[in-house]
């Protein structure tokens, strides 16, 4: 890469492209998740190797997840203090998942992942009665925190794509949350699992720290816009975007395998 900016890993034109990707990803992540569909490919195009791209993606994603979590909390849709225990579980589980990446057979997970994502898309597209009103829960908060949170977070550290969709599915189908409430509760857990995965990546990868921070600033703007619109429109915006991002991610994974 020529004409690198002082202190940055890329040039000005590439940085502007990455920041634009960060803004769009921040918007999508704040509403439905799946912003990595945008940022990871752009980081690869910018010259990052796959591991560096994933690690840098975690850096910039922290800013968007934190901004969205605060926005939803200020809107009264989530109590972040009550989520503290779950966030800690997600943080530790994500570290464990990232450290197990060289031990566990991840190829079979990659093979079934598109089917799982398409299943999630079908669920949210066709399930009747899914709106912003809460429904009967199937797991107690303690059992949910002890089972679904570490499972989703460990996956986020192990592979990552679609983690937000899995969190959403768990909150809606098992915790009984409405769409908007589920989205709000997903963000702090996304933040925690991103942070945990980044801690692990810092030891085994070489993230683009300055580039990631710059993208993070753009993520803040995109996340504020996305969270604001989601709170105004609710399920009518979140559900279609969640279905779209899940299908798009499934198609990308299938394309990568082929």
Protein backbone atom coordinates (compact mmCIF):
# COMPACT_ATOMS: atom_id res chain seq x y z
CA UNK A 1 0.00 0.00 0.00
CA UNK A 2 1.45 3.30 -1.11
CA UNK A 3 1.13 6.73 0.50
CA UNK A 4 0.32 5.42 3.95
CA UNK A 5 -1.02 7.97 6.42
CA UNK A 6 1.34 8.62 9.34
CA UNK A 7 0.48 6.14 12.08
CA UNK A 8 -2.10 4.34 9.91
CA UNK A 9 -1.86 1.06 8.05
CA UNK A 10 -3.55 2.35 4.87
CA UNK A 11 -3.65 5.41 2.65
CA UNK A 12 -6.21 8.21 2.82
CA UNK A 13 -8.45 6.92 0.01
CA UNK A 14 -8.53 3.41 1.46
CA UNK A 15 -9.18 4.80 4.93
CA UNK A 16 -12.16 6.80 3.67
CA UNK A 17 -13.53 3.66 2.00
CA UNK A 18 -13.11 1.70 5.23
CA UNK A 19 -14.76 4.45 7.29
CA UNK A 20 -17.71 4.48 4.89
CA UNK A 21 -17.99 0.72 5.33
CA UNK A 22 -17.81 1.24 9.10
CA UNK A 23 -20.68 3.74 9.00
CA UNK A 24 -22.91 1.39 6.99
CA UNK A 25 -21.98 -1.57 9.19
CA UNK A 26 -22.72 0.44 12.32
CA UNK A 27 -26.20 1.22 11.00
CA UNK A 28 -26.96 -2.40 10.09
CA UNK A 29 -25.50 -3.81 13.31
CA UNK A 30 -27.53 -1.41 15.45
CA UNK A 31 -30.74 -2.58 13.78
CA UNK A 32 -30.30 -6.27 13.00
CA UNK A 33 -26.63 -7.32 13.13
CA UNK A 34 -24.56 -8.53 10.21
CA UNK A 35 -22.40 -5.47 9.68
CA UNK A 36 -19.37 -7.71 9.20
CA UNK A 37 -20.83 -8.57 5.80
CA UNK A 38 -19.66 -5.11 4.77
CA UNK A 39 -16.53 -4.44 6.79
CA UNK A 40 -14.66 -7.77 6.54
CA UNK A 41 -14.74 -7.95 2.70
CA UNK A 42 -13.67 -4.29 2.45
CA UNK A 43 -10.80 -4.91 4.87
CA UNK A 44 -9.70 -7.86 2.71
CA UNK A 45 -9.88 -5.66 -0.40
CA UNK A 46 -7.77 -3.08 1.44
CA UNK A 47 -4.99 -5.64 1.78
CA UNK A 48 -5.54 -7.18 5.22
CA UNK A 49 -4.99 -10.91 5.54
CA UNK A 50 -8.05 -12.85 6.80
CA UNK A 51 -6.96 -13.00 10.45
CA UNK A 52 -6.00 -9.31 10.51
CA UNK A 53 -9.33 -8.44 8.88
CA UNK A 54 -11.28 -10.36 11.53
CA UNK A 55 -9.26 -8.81 14.36
CA UNK A 56 -9.62 -5.28 12.97
CA UNK A 57 -13.31 -5.88 12.49
CA UNK A 58 -13.61 -6.62 16.21
CA UNK A 59 -11.93 -3.30 17.06
CA UNK A 60 -14.28 -1.15 15.03
CA UNK A 61 -17.30 -3.24 15.98
CA UNK A 62 -16.80 -2.40 19.66
CA UNK A 63 -17.67 1.23 19.01
CA UNK A 64 -20.88 0.49 17.15
CA UNK A 65 -22.07 -2.07 19.70
CA UNK A 66 -21.34 0.28 22.61
CA UNK A 67 -23.12 3.18 20.92
CA UNK A 68 -26.16 1.06 20.09
CA UNK A 69 -26.30 -0.37 23.63
CA UNK A 70 -26.25 3.12 25.15
CA UNK A 71 -28.86 4.39 22.68
CA UNK A 72 -31.27 1.58 23.50
CA UNK A 73 -30.63 2.02 27.22
CA UNK A 74 -31.41 5.72 27.03
CA UNK A 75 -34.60 4.84 25.17
CA UNK A 76 -35.65 2.63 28.09
CA UNK A 77 -35.47 -0.66 26.16
CA UNK A 78 -32.73 -2.32 28.21
CA UNK A 79 -31.19 -1.99 31.68
CA UNK A 80 -27.47 -2.36 31.08
CA UNK A 81 -26.68 -2.80 34.78
CA UNK A 82 -28.93 -5.85 34.98
CA UNK A 83 -27.10 -7.27 31.95
CA UNK A 84 -23.70 -6.99 33.64
CA UNK A 85 -23.51 -10.64 34.65
CA UNK A 86 -24.52 -11.86 31.19
CA UNK A 87 -22.00 -9.52 29.58
CA UNK A 88 -19.20 -10.95 31.74
CA UNK A 89 -20.23 -14.48 30.75
CA UNK A 90 -20.20 -13.45 27.08
CA UNK A 91 -16.75 -11.88 27.45
CA UNK A 92 -15.19 -15.01 28.98
CA UNK A 93 -16.99 -17.38 26.60
CA UNK A 94 -15.79 -15.41 23.56
CA UNK A 95 -12.18 -15.64 24.74
CA UNK A 96 -12.61 -19.40 25.17
CA UNK A 97 -14.15 -19.71 21.72
CA UNK A 98 -11.34 -17.77 20.07
CA UNK A 99 -8.67 -19.83 21.83
CA UNK A 100 -10.37 -23.07 20.74
CA UNK A 101 -10.31 -22.12 17.06
CA UNK A 102 -7.19 -24.24 16.47
CA UNK A 103 -8.59 -27.21 18.42
CA UNK A 104 -12.21 -27.59 17.39
CA UNK A 105 -13.20 -28.80 13.90
CA UNK A 106 -14.64 -25.55 12.56
CA UNK A 107 -15.10 -26.77 8.98
CA UNK A 108 -18.29 -28.68 9.73
CA UNK A 109 -19.65 -25.60 11.54
CA UNK A 110 -18.97 -23.53 8.42
CA UNK A 111 -20.82 -26.11 6.33
CA UNK A 112 -24.03 -26.06 8.38
CA UNK A 113 -23.91 -22.34 9.17
CA UNK A 114 -25.65 -21.22 5.94
CA UNK A 115 -28.52 -23.60 6.69
CA UNK A 116 -28.84 -22.23 10.21
CA UNK A 117 -28.87 -18.64 8.95
CA UNK A 118 -31.49 -19.41 6.31
CA UNK A 119 -33.52 -21.10 9.02
CA UNK A 120 -33.32 -17.94 11.13
CA UNK A 121 -34.43 -15.85 8.15
CA UNK A 122 -37.40 -18.15 7.54
CA UNK A 123 -38.34 -18.03 11.23
CA UNK A 124 -38.46 -14.25 11.38
CA UNK A 125 -40.10 -13.92 7.97
CA UNK A 126 -42.91 -16.41 8.54
CA UNK A 127 -43.49 -16.67 12.31
CA UNK A 128 -46.85 -15.12 13.10
CA UNK A 129 -47.23 -12.79 16.05
CA UNK A 130 -43.63 -11.57 16.11
CA UNK A 131 -43.75 -7.89 16.89
CA UNK A 132 -42.57 -5.54 19.60
CA UNK A 133 -44.74 -7.08 22.32
CA UNK A 134 -43.21 -9.60 24.71
CA UNK A 135 -44.41 -13.20 24.64
CA UNK A 136 -44.25 -16.11 27.12
CA UNK A 137 -40.65 -16.97 27.97
CA UNK A 138 -39.39 -20.55 27.87
CA UNK A 139 -36.21 -20.10 29.91
CA UNK A 140 -35.69 -18.22 33.16
CA UNK A 141 -33.24 -15.28 33.00
CA UNK A 142 -30.66 -17.24 35.00
CA UNK A 143 -30.91 -20.32 32.78
CA UNK A 144 -30.79 -18.17 29.66
CA UNK A 145 -27.64 -16.42 30.90
CA UNK A 146 -26.03 -19.73 31.78
CA UNK A 147 -26.77 -21.50 28.50
CA UNK A 148 -27.64 -19.36 25.47
CA UNK A 149 -25.34 -16.44 26.28
CA UNK A 150 -22.12 -18.50 26.51
CA UNK A 151 -23.10 -20.58 23.47
CA UNK A 152 -23.64 -17.52 21.26
CA UNK A 153 -20.58 -15.73 22.66
CA UNK A 154 -18.29 -18.74 22.23
CA UNK A 155 -19.44 -19.00 18.62
CA UNK A 156 -18.72 -15.27 18.19
CA UNK A 157 -15.15 -15.85 19.34
CA UNK A 158 -14.76 -19.09 17.38
CA UNK A 159 -16.08 -17.92 14.00
CA UNK A 160 -18.27 -14.82 14.35
CA UNK A 161 -20.52 -14.48 11.26
CA UNK A 162 -24.19 -14.39 12.26
CA UNK A 163 -23.60 -14.14 16.02
CA UNK A 164 -26.04 -11.24 16.26
CA UNK A 165 -28.70 -13.30 14.49
CA UNK A 166 -28.20 -16.16 16.96
CA UNK A 167 -28.50 -13.79 19.92
CA UNK A 168 -31.70 -12.39 18.42
CA UNK A 169 -33.21 -15.81 17.81
CA UNK A 170 -32.48 -16.84 21.40
CA UNK A 171 -33.99 -13.71 22.92
CA UNK A 172 -37.16 -13.90 20.81
CA UNK A 173 -37.80 -17.65 20.89
CA UNK A 174 -36.58 -18.52 24.40
CA UNK A 175 -36.60 -15.33 26.48
CA UNK A 176 -39.93 -14.25 24.98
CA UNK A 177 -38.79 -10.72 24.12
CA UNK A 178 -40.41 -8.57 21.47
CA UNK A 179 -38.30 -7.69 18.42
CA UNK A 180 -37.20 -4.25 19.60
CA UNK A 181 -36.45 -5.40 23.15
CA UNK A 182 -34.50 -8.38 21.82
CA UNK A 183 -32.44 -6.11 19.58
CA UNK A 184 -31.69 -3.81 22.51
CA UNK A 185 -30.57 -6.69 24.73
CA UNK A 186 -28.35 -8.12 22.01
CA UNK A 187 -26.05 -5.10 21.79
CA UNK A 188 -24.27 -5.25 25.16
CA UNK A 189 -23.68 -8.98 24.69
CA UNK A 190 -22.31 -8.29 21.21
CA UNK A 191 -20.01 -5.70 22.74
CA UNK A 192 -18.80 -8.14 25.39
CA UNK A 193 -18.20 -11.03 23.01
CA UNK A 194 -16.45 -8.71 20.53
CA UNK A 195 -14.18 -7.51 23.34
CA UNK A 196 -13.42 -11.05 24.45
CA UNK A 197 -12.59 -12.17 20.92
CA UNK A 198 -10.37 -9.12 20.45
CA UNK A 199 -8.42 -9.96 23.62
CA UNK A 200 -7.67 -13.39 22.17
CA UNK A 201 -6.91 -11.99 18.69
CA UNK A 202 -4.43 -9.51 20.19
CA UNK A 203 -2.18 -12.44 21.10
CA UNK A 204 -2.42 -14.37 17.83
CA UNK A 205 -3.01 -11.66 15.20
CA UNK A 206 -1.80 -8.21 14.17
CA UNK A 207 -4.87 -5.96 14.08
CA UNK A 208 -4.79 -2.63 12.28
CA UNK A 209 -5.27 -0.65 15.45
CA UNK A 210 -5.36 2.90 14.06
CA UNK A 211 -7.48 1.93 11.07
CA UNK A 212 -9.84 0.04 13.37
CA UNK A 213 -10.18 3.07 15.64
CA UNK A 214 -10.94 5.35 12.68
CA UNK A 215 -13.57 2.91 11.43
CA UNK A 216 -14.93 2.83 14.97
CA UNK A 217 -15.61 6.57 14.87
CA UNK A 218 -17.66 6.04 11.72
CA UNK A 219 -19.40 3.11 13.43
CA UNK A 220 -20.56 5.46 16.19
CA UNK A 221 -22.36 7.70 13.69
CA UNK A 222 -23.94 4.76 11.87
CA UNK A 223 -25.01 3.05 15.10
CA UNK A 224 -26.66 6.20 16.44
CA UNK A 225 -28.67 6.57 13.25
CA UNK A 226 -29.61 2.88 13.13
CA UNK A 227 -30.61 2.65 16.80
CA UNK A 228 -32.65 5.82 16.51
CA UNK A 229 -34.61 4.55 13.51
CA UNK A 230 -35.09 1.11 15.08
CA UNK A 231 -36.62 2.69 18.19
CA UNK A 232 -38.97 4.79 16.07
CA UNK A 233 -40.05 2.07 13.62
CA UNK A 234 -39.49 -1.11 15.65
CA UNK A 235 -40.19 -4.55 14.21
CA UNK A 236 -41.29 -3.13 10.85
CA UNK A 237 -37.67 -2.14 10.22
CA UNK A 238 -35.81 -4.75 12.27
CA UNK A 239 -37.47 -7.92 10.94
CA UNK A 240 -36.94 -7.27 7.20
CA UNK A 241 -33.35 -6.17 7.73
CA UNK A 242 -32.65 -9.18 9.94
CA UNK A 243 -34.06 -11.52 7.29
CA UNK A 244 -32.07 -9.77 4.56
CA UNK A 245 -28.74 -9.84 6.42
CA UNK A 246 -29.17 -13.49 7.45
CA UNK A 247 -29.86 -14.58 3.87
CA UNK A 248 -27.04 -12.41 2.50
CA UNK A 249 -24.57 -13.87 4.99
CA UNK A 250 -25.69 -17.41 4.16
CA UNK A 251 -25.21 -16.75 0.44
CA UNK A 252 -21.76 -15.28 1.05
CA UNK A 253 -20.69 -18.31 3.12
CA UNK A 254 -21.92 -20.68 0.41
CA UNK A 255 -20.06 -18.64 -2.23
CA UNK A 256 -16.85 -18.75 -0.16
CA UNK A 257 -17.09 -22.54 0.18
CA UNK A 258 -17.62 -22.99 -3.57
